[in-house]
C-alpha atoms as a PDB file:
ATOM      1  CA  LEU A   1     -54.919 -23.917  -7.923  1.00  0.00           C
ATOM      2  CA  ALA A   2     -54.002 -20.313  -7.072  1.00  0.00           C
ATOM      3  CA  ASP A   3     -56.580 -20.033  -4.365  1.00  0.00           C
ATOM      4  CA  THR A   4     -55.426 -23.416  -2.866  1.00  0.00           C
ATOM      5  CA  ALA A   5     -51.794 -22.413  -2.746  1.00  0.00           C
ATOM      6  CA  GLY A   6     -52.770 -18.970  -1.196  1.00  0.00           C
ATOM      7  CA  MET A   7     -54.497 -20.797   1.532  1.00  0.00           C
ATOM      8  CA  LYS A   8     -51.821 -23.176   2.286  1.00  0.00           C
ATOM      9  CA  SER A   9     -49.277 -20.432   2.250  1.00  0.00           C
ATOM     10  CA  ASP A  10     -51.325 -18.328   4.665  1.00  0.00           C
ATOM     11  CA  LEU A  11     -51.757 -21.433   6.981  1.00  0.00           C
ATOM     12  CA  LEU A  12     -48.078 -21.978   6.953  1.00  0.00           C
ATOM     13  CA  LEU A  13     -47.413 -18.260   7.612  1.00  0.00           C
ATOM     14  CA  ARG A  14     -49.949 -18.578  10.746  1.00  0.00           C
ATOM     15  CA  GLN A  15     -48.105 -21.624  11.930  1.00  0.00           C
ATOM     16  CA  VAL A  16     -44.744 -19.840  11.722  1.00  0.00           C
ATOM     17  CA  LEU A  17     -46.104 -16.774  13.557  1.00  0.00           C
ATOM     18  CA  PHE A  18     -47.526 -18.962  16.172  1.00  0.00           C
ATOM     19  CA  LEU A  19     -44.120 -20.700  16.772  1.00  0.00           C
ATOM     20  CA  LEU A  20     -42.547 -17.256  16.821  1.00  0.00           C
ATOM     21  CA  GLU A  21     -44.633 -15.859  19.512  1.00  0.00           C
ATOM     22  CA  PRO A  22     -44.925 -18.154  22.645  1.00  0.00           C
ATOM     23  CA  PHE A  23     -48.369 -18.935  24.061  1.00  0.00           C
ATOM     24  CA  PRO A  24     -50.201 -15.871  22.040  1.00  0.00           C
ATOM     25  CA  ALA A  25     -53.731 -17.321  23.147  1.00  0.00           C
ATOM     26  CA  ASP A  26     -52.884 -18.110  26.807  1.00  0.00           C
ATOM     27  CA  PRO A  27     -54.830 -15.725  29.022  1.00  0.00           C
ATOM     28  CA  PHE A  28     -52.286 -15.869  31.761  1.00  0.00           C
ATOM     29  CA  TRP A  29     -49.390 -14.956  29.214  1.00  0.00           C
ATOM     30  CA  LYS A  30     -48.841 -11.184  29.867  1.00  0.00           C
ATOM     31  CA  PRO A  31     -48.555  -9.486  26.412  1.00  0.00           C
ATOM     32  CA  GLN A  32     -45.256  -7.448  25.924  1.00  0.00           C
ATOM     33  CA  PRO A  33     -45.918  -3.841  24.843  1.00  0.00           C
ATOM     34  CA  ASP A  34     -42.533  -3.570  23.226  1.00  0.00           C
ATOM     35  CA  ARG A  35     -43.285  -6.431  20.897  1.00  0.00           C
ATOM     36  CA  GLY A  36     -44.851  -4.072  18.341  1.00  0.00           C
ATOM     37  CA  ARG A  37     -46.764  -6.490  16.368  1.00  0.00           C
ATOM     38  CA  PRO A  38     -50.545  -5.888  17.483  1.00  0.00           C
ATOM     39  CA  SER A  39     -51.951  -6.284  13.795  1.00  0.00           C
ATOM     40  CA  LEU A  40     -50.396  -9.935  13.734  1.00  0.00           C
ATOM     41  CA  CYS A  41     -51.925 -10.919  17.139  1.00  0.00           C
ATOM     42  CA  TYR A  42     -55.239  -9.393  16.225  1.00  0.00           C
ATOM     43  CA  ARG A  43     -55.394 -11.261  12.694  1.00  0.00           C
ATOM     44  CA  ARG A  44     -54.582 -14.593  14.313  1.00  0.00           C
ATOM     45  CA  SER A  45     -57.158 -14.373  17.023  1.00  0.00           C
ATOM     46  CA  SER A  46     -59.902 -13.375  14.721  1.00  0.00           C
END
């Protein structure tokens, strides 16, 4: 049950991060260098 809860919470976290950053996977969306969250973007794309 612990693993399932962890997976669900991680999926929810990914959905929240996706909503916070508009069009993170859009190739035409120019990334902003002052955003300062490269690790989150890299983790979502992988």
